[in-house]
Amino acid sequence: MAYSEEARSLRLCTAARRDGQPCRAWAMWDDPLGRCVVHAGRGHRGPLAPGFAPSVHARYVPCRCRAYAWPHRPGGGLCRWPEEPLYRLTTLAGTRAWWRR
């Protein structure tokens, strides 16, 4: 599901590029100024070893809207963050299909 216009405006980087145009990258979830990795100064510096890929987990605040009975990624699936969901999944939290146990 794609972001709505309101969600897109909240998620885009607030910084400007060198040519004065607005940055079109997604902002990091944990940046208080709403900047992307490059504008926040968290981009990679220096060489990486061959085959090395740093593992970094996403740093988003889980959404707790009524779309799901558990905390979930904002704007994913039935969640229409920052708006209210149109539908609600009725599966209880902590339940899984029998073949996944």
PDB file of N, CA and C in Angstrom:
ATOM      1  N   MET A   1       0.840  -1.166   0.000  1.00  0.00           N
ATOM      2  CA  MET A   1       0.000   0.000   0.000  1.00  0.00           C
ATOM      3  C   MET A   1       0.892   1.238   0.000  1.00  0.00           C
ATOM      4  N   ALA A   2       0.550   2.193  -0.790  1.00  0.00           N
ATOM      5  CA  ALA A   2       1.325   3.420  -0.880  1.00  0.00           C
ATOM      6  C   ALA A   2       0.896   4.399   0.208  1.00  0.00           C
ATOM      7  N   TYR A   3       1.800   5.300   0.551  1.00  0.00           N
ATOM      8  CA  TYR A   3       1.478   6.321   1.539  1.00  0.00           C
ATOM      9  C   TYR A   3       0.446   7.296   0.994  1.00  0.00           C
ATOM     10  N   SER A   4      -0.398   7.841   1.860  1.00  0.00           N
ATOM     11  CA  SER A   4      -1.308   8.911   1.478  1.00  0.00           C
ATOM     12  C   SER A   4      -0.501  10.203   1.368  1.00  0.00           C
ATOM     13  N   GLU A   5      -1.099  11.253   0.859  1.00  0.00           N
ATOM     14  CA  GLU A   5      -0.389  12.527   0.716  1.00  0.00           C
ATOM     15  C   GLU A   5       0.047  13.077   2.075  1.00  0.00           C
ATOM     16  N   GLU A   6      -0.792  12.914   3.090  1.00  0.00           N
ATOM     17  CA  GLU A   6      -0.442  13.394   4.433  1.00  0.00           C
ATOM     18  C   GLU A   6       0.741  12.620   5.001  1.00  0.00           C
ATOM     19  N   ALA A   7       0.715  11.291   4.853  1.00  0.00           N
ATOM     20  CA  ALA A   7       1.816  10.452   5.344  1.00  0.00           C
ATOM     21  C   ALA A   7       3.091  10.748   4.561  1.00  0.00           C
ATOM     22  N   ARG A   8       2.964  10.936   3.259  1.00  0.00           N
ATOM     23  CA  ARG A   8       4.132  11.245   2.422  1.00  0.00           C
ATOM     24  C   ARG A   8       4.780  12.554   2.851  1.00  0.00           C
ATOM     25  N   SER A   9       3.969  13.562   3.171  1.00  0.00           N
ATOM     26  CA  SER A   9       4.538  14.837   3.606  1.00  0.00           C
ATOM     27  C   SER A   9       5.247  14.713   4.953  1.00  0.00           C
ATOM     28  N   LEU A  10       4.794  13.800   5.808  1.00  0.00           N
ATOM     29  CA  LEU A  10       5.447  13.590   7.103  1.00  0.00           C
ATOM     30  C   LEU A  10       6.728  12.775   6.965  1.00  0.00           C
ATOM     31  N   ARG A  11       6.804  11.907   5.943  1.00  0.00           N
ATOM     32  CA  ARG A  11       7.937  11.004   5.800  1.00  0.00           C
ATOM     33  C   ARG A  11       9.066  11.536   4.929  1.00  0.00           C
ATOM     34  N   LEU A  12       8.842  12.543   4.098  1.00  0.00           N
ATOM     35  CA  LEU A  12       9.904  13.047   3.233  1.00  0.00           C
ATOM     36  C   LEU A  12      10.922  13.857   4.018  1.00  0.00           C
ATOM     37  N   CYS A  13      12.155  13.849   3.538  1.00  0.00           N
ATOM     38  CA  CYS A  13      13.238  14.599   4.166  1.00  0.00           C
ATOM     39  C   CYS A  13      12.931  16.091   4.095  1.00  0.00           C
ATOM     40  N   THR A  14      13.216  16.811   5.162  1.00  0.00           N
ATOM     41  CA  THR A  14      12.919  18.240   5.222  1.00  0.00           C
ATOM     42  C   THR A  14      14.088  19.103   4.765  1.00  0.00           C
ATOM     43  N   ALA A  15      15.239  18.509   4.495  1.00  0.00           N
ATOM     44  CA  ALA A  15      16.430  19.272   4.093  1.00  0.00           C
ATOM     45  C   ALA A  15      16.383  19.583   2.598  1.00  0.00           C
ATOM     46  N   ALA A  16      17.278  20.465   2.179  1.00  0.00           N
ATOM     47  CA  ALA A  16      17.390  20.832   0.768  1.00  0.00           C
ATOM     48  C   ALA A  16      18.710  20.291   0.208  1.00  0.00           C
ATOM     49  N   ARG A  17      18.702  19.993  -1.088  1.00  0.00           N
ATOM     50  CA  ARG A  17      19.914  19.529  -1.750  1.00  0.00           C
ATOM     51  C   ARG A  17      20.839  20.716  -2.009  1.00  0.00           C
ATOM     52  N   ARG A  18      22.023  20.455  -2.548  1.00  0.00           N
ATOM     53  CA  ARG A  18      22.989  21.526  -2.820  1.00  0.00           C
ATOM     54  C   ARG A  18      22.475  22.533  -3.841  1.00  0.00           C
ATOM     55  N   ASP A  19      21.657  22.064  -4.779  1.00  0.00           N
ATOM     56  CA  ASP A  19      21.137  22.966  -5.800  1.00  0.00           C
ATOM     57  C   ASP A  19      19.905  23.737  -5.339  1.00  0.00           C
ATOM     58  N   GLY A  20      19.500  23.574  -4.082  1.00  0.00           N
ATOM     59  CA  GLY A  20      18.378  24.309  -3.522  1.00  0.00           C
ATOM     60  C   GLY A  20      17.042  23.601  -3.627  1.00  0.00           C
ATOM     61  N   GLN A  21      16.983  22.516  -4.370  1.00  0.00           N
ATOM     62  CA  GLN A  21      15.748  21.750  -4.512  1.00  0.00           C
ATOM     63  C   GLN A  21      15.497  20.945  -3.231  1.00  0.00           C
ATOM     64  N   PRO A  22      14.239  20.646  -2.902  1.00  0.00           N
ATOM     65  CA  PRO A  22      13.980  19.816  -1.716  1.00  0.00           C
ATOM     66  C   PRO A  22      14.470  18.393  -1.936  1.00  0.00           C
ATOM     67  N   CYS A  23      14.966  17.787  -0.893  1.00  0.00           N
ATOM     68  CA  CYS A  23      15.442  16.406  -0.949  1.00  0.00           C
ATOM     69  C   CYS A  23      14.242  15.489  -1.144  1.00  0.00           C
ATOM     70  N   ARG A  24      14.406  14.443  -1.951  1.00  0.00           N
ATOM     71  CA  ARG A  24      13.304  13.526  -2.242  1.00  0.00           C
ATOM     72  C   ARG A  24      13.455  12.191  -1.534  1.00  0.00           C
ATOM     73  N   ALA A  25      14.389  12.069  -0.618  1.00  0.00           N
ATOM     74  CA  ALA A  25      14.613  10.807   0.101  1.00  0.00           C
ATOM     75  C   ALA A  25      13.643  10.692   1.282  1.00  0.00           C
ATOM     76  N   TRP A  26      13.480   9.466   1.769  1.00  0.00           N
ATOM     77  CA  TRP A  26      12.647   9.251   2.955  1.00  0.00           C
ATOM     78  C   TRP A  26      13.420   9.660   4.199  1.00  0.00           C
ATOM     79  N   ALA A  27      12.748  10.309   5.108  1.00  0.00           N
ATOM     80  CA  ALA A  27      13.368  10.709   6.369  1.00  0.00           C
ATOM     81  C   ALA A  27      13.515   9.494   7.273  1.00  0.00           C
ATOM     82  N   MET A  28      14.501   9.545   8.155  1.00  0.00           N
ATOM     83  CA  MET A  28      14.678   8.474   9.127  1.00  0.00           C
ATOM     84  C   MET A  28      13.611   8.622  10.207  1.00  0.00           C
ATOM     85  N   TRP A  29      13.179   7.493  10.752  1.00  0.00           N
ATOM     86  CA  TRP A  29      12.133   7.526  11.760  1.00  0.00           C
ATOM     87  C   TRP A  29      12.600   8.209  13.043  1.00  0.00           C
ATOM     88  N   ASP A  30      13.871   8.052  13.397  1.00  0.00           N
ATOM     89  CA  ASP A  30      14.333   8.552  14.691  1.00  0.00           C
ATOM     90  C   ASP A  30      15.038   9.904  14.616  1.00  0.00           C
ATOM     91  N   ASP A  31      14.992  10.590  13.485  1.00  0.00           N
ATOM     92  CA  ASP A  31      15.626  11.900  13.388  1.00  0.00           C
ATOM     93  C   ASP A  31      14.632  12.977  13.811  1.00  0.00           C
ATOM     94  N   PRO A  32      14.957  13.779  14.822  1.00  0.00           N
ATOM     95  CA  PRO A  32      13.994  14.777  15.306  1.00  0.00           C
ATOM     96  C   PRO A  32      13.702  15.880  14.293  1.00  0.00           C
ATOM     97  N   LEU A  33      14.618  16.127  13.350  1.00  0.00           N
ATOM     98  CA  LEU A  33      14.397  17.173  12.352  1.00  0.00           C
ATOM     99  C   LEU A  33      13.815  16.625  11.051  1.00  0.00           C
ATOM    100  N   GLY A  34      13.555  15.340  10.976  1.00  0.00           N
ATOM    101  CA  GLY A  34      12.953  14.738   9.795  1.00  0.00           C
ATOM    102  C   GLY A  34      13.872  14.726   8.584  1.00  0.00           C
ATOM    103  N   ARG A  35      15.145  14.362   8.789  1.00  0.00           N
ATOM    104  CA  ARG A  35      16.111  14.339   7.690  1.00  0.00           C
ATOM    105  C   ARG A  35      16.420  12.908   7.277  1.00  0.00           C
ATOM    106  N   CYS A  36      16.940  12.775   6.061  1.00  0.00           N
ATOM    107  CA  CYS A  36      17.346  11.460   5.559  1.00  0.00           C
ATOM    108  C   CYS A  36      18.727  11.108   6.117  1.00  0.00           C
ATOM    109  N   VAL A  37      19.230   9.941   5.777  1.00  0.00           N
ATOM    110  CA  VAL A  37      20.519   9.459   6.283  1.00  0.00           C
ATOM    111  C   VAL A  37      21.653  10.403   5.898  1.00  0.00           C
ATOM    112  N   VAL A  38      21.653  10.861   4.660  1.00  0.00           N
ATOM    113  CA  VAL A  38      22.744  11.718   4.177  1.00  0.00           C
ATOM    114  C   VAL A  38      22.715  13.080   4.864  1.00  0.00           C
ATOM    115  N   HIS A  39      21.556  13.712   4.934  1.00  0.00           N
ATOM    116  CA  HIS A  39      21.474  15.042   5.531  1.00  0.00           C
ATOM    117  C   HIS A  39      21.645  15.028   7.047  1.00  0.00           C
ATOM    118  N   ALA A  40      21.375  13.909   7.676  1.00  0.00           N
ATOM    119  CA  ALA A  40      21.574  13.795   9.121  1.00  0.00           C
ATOM    120  C   ALA A  40      23.025  13.459   9.458  1.00  0.00           C
ATOM    121  N   GLY A  41      23.843  13.176   8.442  1.00  0.00           N
ATOM    122  CA  GLY A  41      25.253  12.879   8.678  1.00  0.00           C
ATOM    123  C   GLY A  41      25.503  11.464   9.141  1.00  0.00           C
ATOM    124  N   ARG A  42      24.584  10.546   8.858  1.00  0.00           N
ATOM    125  CA  ARG A  42      24.755   9.161   9.292  1.00  0.00           C
ATOM    126  C   ARG A  42      25.119   8.234   8.142  1.00  0.00           C
ATOM    127  N   GLY A  43      25.485   8.788   7.007  1.00  0.00           N
ATOM    128  CA  GLY A  43      25.854   7.972   5.858  1.00  0.00           C
ATOM    129  C   GLY A  43      27.157   7.236   6.104  1.00  0.00           C
ATOM    130  N   HIS A  44      27.427   6.241   5.297  1.00  0.00           N
ATOM    131  CA  HIS A  44      28.646   5.449   5.461  1.00  0.00           C
ATOM    132  C   HIS A  44      29.872   6.256   5.062  1.00  0.00           C
ATOM    133  N   ARG A  45      30.919   6.122   5.833  1.00  0.00           N
ATOM    134  CA  ARG A  45      32.196   6.771   5.529  1.00  0.00           C
ATOM    135  C   ARG A  45      33.290   5.722   5.599  1.00  0.00           C
ATOM    136  N   GLY A  46      34.145   5.700   4.617  1.00  0.00           N
ATOM    137  CA  GLY A  46      35.258   4.765   4.611  1.00  0.00           C
ATOM    138  C   GLY A  46      34.929   3.479   3.891  1.00  0.00           C
ATOM    139  N   PRO A  47      35.954   2.669   3.639  1.00  0.00           N
ATOM    140  CA  PRO A  47      35.754   1.428   2.884  1.00  0.00           C
ATOM    141  C   PRO A  47      35.116   0.331   3.742  1.00  0.00           C
ATOM    142  N   LEU A  48      34.377  -0.539   3.066  1.00  0.00           N
ATOM    143  CA  LEU A  48      33.804  -1.715   3.707  1.00  0.00           C
ATOM    144  C   LEU A  48      34.610  -2.935   3.285  1.00  0.00           C
ATOM    145  N   ALA A  49      34.715  -3.912   4.145  1.00  0.00           N
ATOM    146  CA  ALA A  49      35.380  -5.163   3.794  1.00  0.00           C
ATOM    147  C   ALA A  49      34.533  -5.881   2.744  1.00  0.00           C
ATOM    148  N   PRO A  50      35.144  -6.654   1.878  1.00  0.00           N
ATOM    149  CA  PRO A  50      34.376  -7.367   0.847  1.00  0.00           C
ATOM    150  C   PRO A  50      33.340  -8.303   1.465  1.00  0.00           C
ATOM    151  N   GLY A  51      32.114  -8.203   0.988  1.00  0.00           N
ATOM    152  CA  GLY A  51      31.041  -9.055   1.487  1.00  0.00           C
ATOM    153  C   GLY A  51      30.465  -8.622   2.818  1.00  0.00           C
ATOM    154  N   PHE A  52      30.912  -7.523   3.359  1.00  0.00           N
ATOM    155  CA  PHE A  52      30.419  -7.073   4.649  1.00  0.00           C
ATOM    156  C   PHE A  52      29.226  -6.144   4.454  1.00  0.00           C
ATOM    157  N   ALA A  53      28.154  -6.457   5.103  1.00  0.00           N
ATOM    158  CA  ALA A  53      26.974  -5.597   5.080  1.00  0.00           C
ATOM    159  C   ALA A  53      26.534  -5.402   6.525  1.00  0.00           C
ATOM    160  N   PRO A  54      26.619  -4.199   7.043  1.00  0.00           N
ATOM    161  CA  PRO A  54      26.212  -3.986   8.433  1.00  0.00           C
ATOM    162  C   PRO A  54      24.723  -4.259   8.613  1.00  0.00           C
ATOM    163  N   SER A  55      24.368  -4.918   9.698  1.00  0.00           N
ATOM    164  CA  SER A  55      22.964  -5.206   9.956  1.00  0.00           C
ATOM    165  C   SER A  55      22.429  -4.165  10.927  1.00  0.00           C
ATOM    166  N   VAL A  56      21.502  -3.384  10.445  1.00  0.00           N
ATOM    167  CA  VAL A  56      20.887  -2.338  11.253  1.00  0.00           C
ATOM    168  C   VAL A  56      19.379  -2.527  11.165  1.00  0.00           C
ATOM    169  N   HIS A  57      18.733  -2.608  12.289  1.00  0.00           N
ATOM    170  CA  HIS A  57      17.288  -2.761  12.317  1.00  0.00           C
ATOM    171  C   HIS A  57      16.622  -1.408  12.126  1.00  0.00           C
ATOM    172  N   ALA A  58      15.429  -1.417  11.578  1.00  0.00           N
ATOM    173  CA  ALA A  58      14.676  -0.177  11.381  1.00  0.00           C
ATOM    174  C   ALA A  58      14.356   0.437  12.737  1.00  0.00           C
ATOM    175  N   ARG A  59      14.459   1.732  12.828  1.00  0.00           N
ATOM    176  CA  ARG A  59      14.204   2.430  14.092  1.00  0.00           C
ATOM    177  C   ARG A  59      12.937   3.255  13.978  1.00  0.00           C
ATOM    178  N   TYR A  60      11.806   2.605  13.879  1.00  0.00           N
ATOM    179  CA  TYR A  60      10.541   3.315  13.808  1.00  0.00           C
ATOM    180  C   TYR A  60       9.763   3.086  15.091  1.00  0.00           C
ATOM    181  N   VAL A  61       8.891   4.011  15.418  1.00  0.00           N
ATOM    182  CA  VAL A  61       8.016   3.845  16.568  1.00  0.00           C
ATOM    183  C   VAL A  61       6.823   3.030  16.085  1.00  0.00           C
ATOM    184  N   PRO A  62       6.563   1.872  16.672  1.00  0.00           N
ATOM    185  CA  PRO A  62       5.459   1.043  16.192  1.00  0.00           C
ATOM    186  C   PRO A  62       4.114   1.762  16.295  1.00  0.00           C
ATOM    187  N   CYS A  63       3.292   1.566  15.281  1.00  0.00           N
ATOM    188  CA  CYS A  63       1.949   2.138  15.262  1.00  0.00           C
ATOM    189  C   CYS A  63       1.040   1.224  16.078  1.00  0.00           C
ATOM    190  N   ARG A  64       0.117   1.782  16.795  1.00  0.00           N
ATOM    191  CA  ARG A  64      -0.794   0.992  17.616  1.00  0.00           C
ATOM    192  C   ARG A  64      -2.248   1.299  17.260  1.00  0.00           C
ATOM    193  N   CYS A  65      -2.495   1.589  15.970  1.00  0.00           N
ATOM    194  CA  CYS A  65      -3.866   1.883  15.553  1.00  0.00           C
ATOM    195  C   CYS A  65      -4.698   0.603  15.575  1.00  0.00           C
ATOM    196  N   ARG A  66      -5.983   0.724  15.277  1.00  0.00           N
ATOM    197  CA  ARG A  66      -6.904  -0.395  15.388  1.00  0.00           C
ATOM    198  C   ARG A  66      -6.866  -1.333  14.192  1.00  0.00           C
ATOM    199  N   ALA A  67      -6.007  -1.104  13.211  1.00  0.00           N
ATOM    200  CA  ALA A  67      -5.943  -1.981  12.035  1.00  0.00           C
ATOM    201  C   ALA A  67      -5.520  -3.394  12.442  1.00  0.00           C
ATOM    202  N   TYR A  68      -4.632  -3.505  13.409  1.00  0.00           N
ATOM    203  CA  TYR A  68      -4.149  -4.797  13.895  1.00  0.00           C
ATOM    204  C   TYR A  68      -4.211  -4.810  15.417  1.00  0.00           C
ATOM    205  N   ALA A  69      -4.251  -6.005  15.987  1.00  0.00           N
ATOM    206  CA  ALA A  69      -4.332  -6.138  17.442  1.00  0.00           C
ATOM    207  C   ALA A  69      -2.953  -6.139  18.083  1.00  0.00           C
ATOM    208  N   TRP A  70      -1.923  -5.795  17.343  1.00  0.00           N
ATOM    209  CA  TRP A  70      -0.558  -5.776  17.846  1.00  0.00           C
ATOM    210  C   TRP A  70       0.165  -4.567  17.270  1.00  0.00           C
ATOM    211  N   PRO A  71       1.277  -4.155  17.878  1.00  0.00           N
ATOM    212  CA  PRO A  71       2.067  -3.048  17.313  1.00  0.00           C
ATOM    213  C   PRO A  71       2.620  -3.452  15.942  1.00  0.00           C
ATOM    214  N   HIS A  72       2.574  -2.532  14.986  1.00  0.00           N
ATOM    215  CA  HIS A  72       2.974  -2.846  13.617  1.00  0.00           C
ATOM    216  C   HIS A  72       3.681  -1.653  12.985  1.00  0.00           C
ATOM    217  N   ARG A  73       4.249  -1.881  11.812  1.00  0.00           N
ATOM    218  CA  ARG A  73       4.948  -0.830  11.072  1.00  0.00           C
ATOM    219  C   ARG A  73       3.928   0.201  10.574  1.00  0.00           C
ATOM    220  N   PRO A  74       4.198   1.486  10.778  1.00  0.00           N
ATOM    221  CA  PRO A  74       3.253   2.516  10.330  1.00  0.00           C
ATOM    222  C   PRO A  74       3.094   2.531   8.807  1.00  0.00           C
ATOM    223  N   GLY A  75       1.861   2.572   8.356  1.00  0.00           N
ATOM    224  CA  GLY A  75       1.576   2.677   6.936  1.00  0.00           C
ATOM    225  C   GLY A  75       1.673   1.376   6.174  1.00  0.00           C
ATOM    226  N   GLY A  76       1.760   0.246   6.835  1.00  0.00           N
ATOM    227  CA  GLY A  76       1.880  -1.029   6.146  1.00  0.00           C
ATOM    228  C   GLY A  76       0.601  -1.844   6.244  1.00  0.00           C
ATOM    229  N   GLY A  77       0.233  -2.509   5.167  1.00  0.00           N
ATOM    230  CA  GLY A  77      -0.941  -3.373   5.169  1.00  0.00           C
ATOM    231  C   GLY A  77      -2.223  -2.588   5.319  1.00  0.00           C
ATOM    232  N   LEU A  78      -3.008  -2.907   6.346  1.00  0.00           N
ATOM    233  CA  LEU A  78      -4.278  -2.224   6.577  1.00  0.00           C
ATOM    234  C   LEU A  78      -4.111  -0.882   7.274  1.00  0.00           C
ATOM    235  N   CYS A  79      -2.940  -0.612   7.816  1.00  0.00           N
ATOM    236  CA  CYS A  79      -2.688   0.641   8.523  1.00  0.00           C
ATOM    237  C   CYS A  79      -2.561   1.783   7.511  1.00  0.00           C
ATOM    238  N   ARG A  80      -3.271   2.873   7.751  1.00  0.00           N
ATOM    239  CA  ARG A  80      -3.222   4.036   6.859  1.00  0.00           C
ATOM    240  C   ARG A  80      -2.566   5.212   7.566  1.00  0.00           C
ATOM    241  N   TRP A  81      -1.577   4.960   8.410  1.00  0.00           N
ATOM    242  CA  TRP A  81      -0.921   5.996   9.197  1.00  0.00           C
ATOM    243  C   TRP A  81      -0.686   7.230   8.352  1.00  0.00           C
ATOM    244  N   PRO A  82      -0.953   8.404   8.826  1.00  0.00           N
ATOM    245  CA  PRO A  82      -1.427   8.849  10.144  1.00  0.00           C
ATOM    246  C   PRO A  82      -2.948   8.904  10.267  1.00  0.00           C
ATOM    247  N   GLU A  83      -3.688   8.433   9.262  1.00  0.00           N
ATOM    248  CA  GLU A  83      -5.150   8.426   9.316  1.00  0.00           C
ATOM    249  C   GLU A  83      -5.658   7.149   9.964  1.00  0.00           C
ATOM    250  N   GLU A  84      -6.925   7.108  10.260  1.00  0.00           N
ATOM    251  CA  GLU A  84      -7.539   5.918  10.844  1.00  0.00           C
ATOM    252  C   GLU A  84      -7.718   4.851   9.764  1.00  0.00           C
ATOM    253  N   PRO A  85      -7.618   3.565  10.130  1.00  0.00           N
ATOM    254  CA  PRO A  85      -7.773   2.497   9.132  1.00  0.00           C
ATOM    255  C   PRO A  85      -9.230   2.354   8.689  1.00  0.00           C
ATOM    256  N   LEU A  86      -9.418   1.885   7.448  1.00  0.00           N
ATOM    257  CA  LEU A  86     -10.766   1.621   6.938  1.00  0.00           C
ATOM    258  C   LEU A  86     -11.250   0.238   7.361  1.00  0.00           C
ATOM    259  N   TYR A  87     -10.307  -0.707   7.494  1.00  0.00           N
ATOM    260  CA  TYR A  87     -10.631  -2.079   7.862  1.00  0.00           C
ATOM    261  C   TYR A  87      -9.825  -2.481   9.086  1.00  0.00           C
ATOM    262  N   ARG A  88     -10.277  -3.559   9.716  1.00  0.00           N
ATOM    263  CA  ARG A  88      -9.598  -4.055  10.914  1.00  0.00           C
ATOM    264  C   ARG A  88      -9.417  -5.560  10.795  1.00  0.00           C
ATOM    265  N   LEU A  89      -8.201  -6.043  11.048  1.00  0.00           N
ATOM    266  CA  LEU A  89      -7.934  -7.472  11.052  1.00  0.00           C
ATOM    267  C   LEU A  89      -8.389  -8.036  12.395  1.00  0.00           C
ATOM    268  N   THR A  90      -9.191  -9.084  12.367  1.00  0.00           N
ATOM    269  CA  THR A  90      -9.769  -9.603  13.607  1.00  0.00           C
ATOM    270  C   THR A  90      -8.965 -10.749  14.223  1.00  0.00           C
ATOM    271  N   THR A  91      -7.822 -11.085  13.634  1.00  0.00           N
ATOM    272  CA  THR A  91      -6.960 -12.120  14.207  1.00  0.00           C
ATOM    273  C   THR A  91      -6.403 -11.625  15.539  1.00  0.00           C
ATOM    274  N   LEU A  92      -6.445 -12.455  16.554  1.00  0.00           N
ATOM    275  CA  LEU A  92      -5.946 -12.067  17.866  1.00  0.00           C
ATOM    276  C   LEU A  92      -4.427 -12.029  17.872  1.00  0.00           C
ATOM    277  N   ALA A  93      -3.871 -11.175  18.681  1.00  0.00           N
ATOM    278  CA  ALA A  93      -2.419 -11.103  18.824  1.00  0.00           C
ATOM    279  C   ALA A  93      -1.902 -12.401  19.431  1.00  0.00           C
ATOM    280  N   GLY A  94      -0.777 -12.900  18.927  1.00  0.00           N
ATOM    281  CA  GLY A  94      -0.160 -14.097  19.465  1.00  0.00           C
ATOM    282  C   GLY A  94      -0.649 -15.383  18.831  1.00  0.00           C
ATOM    283  N   THR A  95      -1.565 -15.320  17.888  1.00  0.00           N
ATOM    284  CA  THR A  95      -2.034 -16.531  17.220  1.00  0.00           C
ATOM    285  C   THR A  95      -1.323 -16.689  15.893  1.00  0.00           C
ATOM    286  N   ARG A  96      -1.019 -17.927  15.545  1.00  0.00           N
ATOM    287  CA  ARG A  96      -0.364 -18.228  14.276  1.00  0.00           C
ATOM    288  C   ARG A  96      -1.043 -19.442  13.663  1.00  0.00           C
ATOM    289  N   ALA A  97      -0.793 -19.644  12.395  1.00  0.00           N
ATOM    290  CA  ALA A  97      -1.311 -20.834  11.734  1.00  0.00           C
ATOM    291  C   ALA A  97      -0.634 -22.070  12.305  1.00  0.00           C
ATOM    292  N   TRP A  98      -1.315 -23.206  12.298  1.00  0.00           N
ATOM    293  CA  TRP A  98      -0.768 -24.410  12.918  1.00  0.00           C
ATOM    294  C   TRP A  98       0.517 -24.871  12.254  1.00  0.00           C
ATOM    295  N   TRP A  99       0.697 -24.603  10.940  1.00  0.00           N
ATOM    296  CA  TRP A  99       1.905 -25.073  10.261  1.00  0.00           C
ATOM    297  C   TRP A  99       3.122 -24.204  10.538  1.00  0.00           C
ATOM    298  N   ARG A 100       2.957 -23.080  11.206  1.00  0.00           N
ATOM    299  CA  ARG A 100       4.087 -22.217  11.526  1.00  0.00           C
ATOM    300  C   ARG A 100       4.627 -22.428  12.930  1.00  0.00           C
ATOM    301  N   ARG A 101       4.043 -23.312  13.675  1.00  0.00           N
ATOM    302  CA  ARG A 101       4.471 -23.511  15.060  1.00  0.00           C
ATOM    303  C   ARG A 101       5.621 -24.430  15.175  1.00  0.00           C
TER     304      ARG A 101
END
